[in-house]
Amino acid sequence: MSEDVHASERVINVRDIDPRHRHRIILQLFEQLGSDSSLQLVVDHDPRPLRLQLEAKHGARCRWTYLVQGPDVWRIRLQQG
């Protein structure tokens, strides 16, 4: 369960974003990722609905890696593949 942050990785504490806007903001940030960068999300629950939404829209281009899986904090690394 690594919490390492890569040099080209942006860390977003999703808990700081209004729930009404979370998915939209994360989708926009994902679409702006370069091939050598990543986005790390810090959340207080398993964001499975977000994963399904990203995979439905981006398919295999969405690389999703759990770094920490609860019970109080989840960390996910998103990359475009």
N, C-alpha and C. Protein backbone atom coordinates (compact mmCIF):
# COMPACT_ATOMS: atom_id res chain seq x y z
N MET A 1 0.83 -1.17 0.00
CA MET A 1 0.00 0.00 0.00
C MET A 1 0.88 1.25 0.00
N SER A 2 1.28 1.65 -1.16
CA SER A 2 2.19 2.78 -1.31
C SER A 2 1.42 4.08 -1.45
N GLU A 3 1.95 5.12 -0.83
CA GLU A 3 1.38 6.45 -0.97
C GLU A 3 2.36 7.34 -1.72
N ASP A 4 3.30 6.76 -2.42
CA ASP A 4 4.30 7.52 -3.15
C ASP A 4 3.65 8.43 -4.18
N VAL A 5 4.27 9.58 -4.37
CA VAL A 5 3.81 10.51 -5.38
C VAL A 5 4.91 10.63 -6.42
N HIS A 6 4.57 10.42 -7.67
CA HIS A 6 5.52 10.56 -8.76
C HIS A 6 5.78 12.03 -9.04
N ALA A 7 6.92 12.33 -9.63
CA ALA A 7 7.29 13.72 -9.91
C ALA A 7 6.26 14.42 -10.79
N SER A 8 5.68 13.70 -11.74
CA SER A 8 4.73 14.30 -12.67
C SER A 8 3.28 13.97 -12.28
N GLU A 9 3.04 13.86 -10.99
CA GLU A 9 1.72 13.47 -10.51
C GLU A 9 1.08 14.60 -9.71
N ARG A 10 -0.16 14.87 -10.02
CA ARG A 10 -0.94 15.86 -9.28
C ARG A 10 -1.81 15.11 -8.28
N VAL A 11 -1.79 15.54 -7.01
CA VAL A 11 -2.58 14.90 -5.97
C VAL A 11 -3.79 15.79 -5.68
N ILE A 12 -4.97 15.18 -5.75
CA ILE A 12 -6.23 15.89 -5.50
C ILE A 12 -6.93 15.23 -4.32
N ASN A 13 -7.17 16.02 -3.27
CA ASN A 13 -7.96 15.53 -2.15
C ASN A 13 -9.42 15.78 -2.51
N VAL A 14 -10.07 14.75 -2.97
CA VAL A 14 -11.44 14.85 -3.47
C VAL A 14 -12.40 15.32 -2.37
N ARG A 15 -12.05 15.06 -1.13
CA ARG A 15 -12.91 15.46 -0.01
C ARG A 15 -13.06 16.97 0.06
N ASP A 16 -12.14 17.71 -0.56
CA ASP A 16 -12.19 19.18 -0.56
C ASP A 16 -13.07 19.76 -1.67
N ILE A 17 -13.60 18.90 -2.54
CA ILE A 17 -14.41 19.35 -3.68
C ILE A 17 -15.89 19.10 -3.37
N ASP A 18 -16.72 20.07 -3.67
CA ASP A 18 -18.17 19.94 -3.48
C ASP A 18 -18.63 18.66 -4.20
N PRO A 19 -19.35 17.77 -3.50
CA PRO A 19 -19.79 16.50 -4.11
C PRO A 19 -20.53 16.67 -5.43
N ARG A 20 -21.25 17.78 -5.61
CA ARG A 20 -22.00 17.99 -6.86
C ARG A 20 -21.09 18.17 -8.06
N HIS A 21 -19.82 18.52 -7.82
CA HIS A 21 -18.91 18.84 -8.91
C HIS A 21 -17.74 17.86 -9.06
N ARG A 22 -17.63 16.91 -8.17
CA ARG A 22 -16.45 16.03 -8.13
C ARG A 22 -16.20 15.31 -9.45
N HIS A 23 -17.17 14.57 -9.92
CA HIS A 23 -16.94 13.74 -11.12
C HIS A 23 -16.60 14.62 -12.32
N ARG A 24 -17.31 15.71 -12.49
CA ARG A 24 -17.04 16.59 -13.63
C ARG A 24 -15.61 17.11 -13.59
N ILE A 25 -15.17 17.55 -12.43
CA ILE A 25 -13.81 18.08 -12.29
C ILE A 25 -12.77 17.00 -12.53
N ILE A 26 -12.98 15.83 -11.97
CA ILE A 26 -12.02 14.74 -12.14
C ILE A 26 -11.96 14.29 -13.59
N LEU A 27 -13.11 14.21 -14.26
CA LEU A 27 -13.13 13.86 -15.68
C LEU A 27 -12.34 14.87 -16.50
N GLN A 28 -12.50 16.15 -16.21
CA GLN A 28 -11.76 17.19 -16.93
C GLN A 28 -10.27 17.07 -16.68
N LEU A 29 -9.88 16.84 -15.43
CA LEU A 29 -8.46 16.69 -15.11
C LEU A 29 -7.88 15.46 -15.80
N PHE A 30 -8.65 14.37 -15.84
CA PHE A 30 -8.17 13.16 -16.50
C PHE A 30 -7.94 13.42 -17.99
N GLU A 31 -8.85 14.11 -18.62
CA GLU A 31 -8.74 14.38 -20.05
C GLU A 31 -7.54 15.26 -20.38
N GLN A 32 -7.05 16.02 -19.41
CA GLN A 32 -5.91 16.90 -19.63
C GLN A 32 -4.57 16.22 -19.33
N LEU A 33 -4.61 14.99 -18.83
CA LEU A 33 -3.36 14.29 -18.50
C LEU A 33 -2.53 14.01 -19.74
N GLY A 34 -1.25 14.23 -19.61
CA GLY A 34 -0.32 13.84 -20.66
C GLY A 34 0.06 12.38 -20.48
N SER A 35 0.73 11.82 -21.46
CA SER A 35 1.10 10.40 -21.40
C SER A 35 2.12 10.11 -20.30
N ASP A 36 2.84 11.12 -19.85
CA ASP A 36 3.87 10.90 -18.82
C ASP A 36 3.46 11.45 -17.46
N SER A 37 2.19 11.79 -17.30
CA SER A 37 1.74 12.33 -16.02
C SER A 37 0.61 11.48 -15.46
N SER A 38 0.31 11.73 -14.18
CA SER A 38 -0.76 10.97 -13.53
C SER A 38 -1.48 11.87 -12.54
N LEU A 39 -2.60 11.37 -12.10
CA LEU A 39 -3.44 12.08 -11.15
C LEU A 39 -3.70 11.12 -9.99
N GLN A 40 -3.42 11.55 -8.77
CA GLN A 40 -3.69 10.72 -7.61
C GLN A 40 -4.87 11.32 -6.85
N LEU A 41 -5.88 10.51 -6.64
CA LEU A 41 -7.08 10.94 -5.92
C LEU A 41 -7.03 10.42 -4.49
N VAL A 42 -7.40 11.26 -3.55
CA VAL A 42 -7.51 10.88 -2.15
C VAL A 42 -8.98 11.03 -1.78
N VAL A 43 -9.61 9.93 -1.40
CA VAL A 43 -11.05 9.94 -1.10
C VAL A 43 -11.34 9.18 0.18
N ASP A 44 -12.56 9.34 0.69
CA ASP A 44 -12.93 8.68 1.94
C ASP A 44 -13.83 7.46 1.74
N HIS A 45 -13.94 7.01 0.50
CA HIS A 45 -14.75 5.83 0.19
C HIS A 45 -14.22 5.24 -1.13
N ASP A 46 -14.64 4.03 -1.43
CA ASP A 46 -14.23 3.42 -2.69
C ASP A 46 -14.97 4.12 -3.83
N PRO A 47 -14.24 4.79 -4.73
CA PRO A 47 -14.88 5.56 -5.80
C PRO A 47 -15.24 4.71 -7.02
N ARG A 48 -15.81 3.57 -6.79
CA ARG A 48 -16.18 2.66 -7.89
C ARG A 48 -17.07 3.32 -8.94
N PRO A 49 -18.09 4.11 -8.57
CA PRO A 49 -18.92 4.75 -9.60
C PRO A 49 -18.09 5.66 -10.53
N LEU A 50 -17.11 6.34 -9.97
CA LEU A 50 -16.23 7.17 -10.79
C LEU A 50 -15.44 6.31 -11.76
N ARG A 51 -14.93 5.19 -11.27
CA ARG A 51 -14.17 4.28 -12.14
C ARG A 51 -15.03 3.79 -13.31
N LEU A 52 -16.25 3.41 -13.01
CA LEU A 52 -17.15 2.94 -14.06
C LEU A 52 -17.42 4.04 -15.08
N GLN A 53 -17.59 5.26 -14.60
CA GLN A 53 -17.83 6.39 -15.49
C GLN A 53 -16.62 6.67 -16.38
N LEU A 54 -15.43 6.66 -15.80
CA LEU A 54 -14.20 6.88 -16.57
C LEU A 54 -14.00 5.78 -17.61
N GLU A 55 -14.19 4.54 -17.20
CA GLU A 55 -14.00 3.42 -18.13
C GLU A 55 -15.06 3.41 -19.23
N ALA A 56 -16.29 3.83 -18.92
CA ALA A 56 -17.32 3.90 -19.95
C ALA A 56 -16.97 4.95 -20.99
N LYS A 57 -16.40 6.05 -20.56
CA LYS A 57 -16.07 7.13 -21.47
C LYS A 57 -14.74 6.93 -22.19
N HIS A 58 -13.74 6.37 -21.49
CA HIS A 58 -12.39 6.30 -22.05
C HIS A 58 -11.89 4.88 -22.31
N GLY A 59 -12.62 3.88 -21.89
CA GLY A 59 -12.25 2.50 -22.15
C GLY A 59 -10.85 2.16 -21.63
N ALA A 60 -10.08 1.47 -22.45
CA ALA A 60 -8.75 1.00 -22.07
C ALA A 60 -7.76 2.14 -21.87
N ARG A 61 -8.09 3.35 -22.32
CA ARG A 61 -7.20 4.50 -22.10
C ARG A 61 -7.11 4.86 -20.63
N CYS A 62 -8.09 4.45 -19.84
CA CYS A 62 -8.11 4.79 -18.41
C CYS A 62 -7.38 3.69 -17.62
N ARG A 63 -6.24 4.07 -17.07
CA ARG A 63 -5.50 3.15 -16.21
C ARG A 63 -5.74 3.57 -14.76
N TRP A 64 -6.31 2.68 -13.98
CA TRP A 64 -6.77 2.95 -12.60
C TRP A 64 -6.01 2.00 -11.69
N THR A 65 -5.28 2.54 -10.72
CA THR A 65 -4.52 1.72 -9.79
C THR A 65 -4.86 2.13 -8.36
N TYR A 66 -5.31 1.15 -7.58
CA TYR A 66 -5.52 1.41 -6.16
C TYR A 66 -4.16 1.41 -5.46
N LEU A 67 -3.86 2.48 -4.74
CA LEU A 67 -2.64 2.56 -3.95
C LEU A 67 -2.92 2.23 -2.49
N VAL A 68 -4.07 2.68 -2.00
CA VAL A 68 -4.55 2.40 -0.64
C VAL A 68 -6.04 2.13 -0.75
N GLN A 69 -6.50 1.06 -0.10
CA GLN A 69 -7.91 0.69 -0.18
C GLN A 69 -8.56 0.64 1.20
N GLY A 70 -8.83 1.82 1.76
CA GLY A 70 -9.60 1.96 2.98
C GLY A 70 -8.93 1.38 4.21
N PRO A 71 -9.66 1.33 5.28
CA PRO A 71 -11.09 1.61 5.36
C PRO A 71 -11.44 3.10 5.45
N ASP A 72 -10.50 3.94 5.87
CA ASP A 72 -10.81 5.35 6.04
C ASP A 72 -10.40 6.22 4.87
N VAL A 73 -9.36 5.81 4.16
CA VAL A 73 -8.83 6.58 3.04
C VAL A 73 -8.54 5.64 1.88
N TRP A 74 -8.90 6.08 0.69
CA TRP A 74 -8.54 5.39 -0.55
C TRP A 74 -7.66 6.34 -1.35
N ARG A 75 -6.63 5.79 -1.99
CA ARG A 75 -5.78 6.56 -2.90
C ARG A 75 -5.75 5.81 -4.22
N ILE A 76 -6.03 6.55 -5.27
CA ILE A 76 -6.11 5.96 -6.61
C ILE A 76 -5.20 6.74 -7.53
N ARG A 77 -4.44 6.04 -8.35
CA ARG A 77 -3.62 6.70 -9.37
C ARG A 77 -4.31 6.51 -10.73
N LEU A 78 -4.54 7.62 -11.41
CA LEU A 78 -5.14 7.61 -12.75
C LEU A 78 -4.09 8.01 -13.76
N GLN A 79 -4.04 7.25 -14.86
CA GLN A 79 -3.15 7.55 -15.97
C GLN A 79 -3.88 7.25 -17.26
N GLN A 80 -3.44 7.93 -18.31
CA GLN A 80 -3.97 7.61 -19.64
C GLN A 80 -3.03 6.63 -20.29
N GLY A 81 -3.61 5.56 -20.80
CA GLY A 81 -2.78 4.52 -21.41
C GLY A 81 -2.95 4.45 -22.89
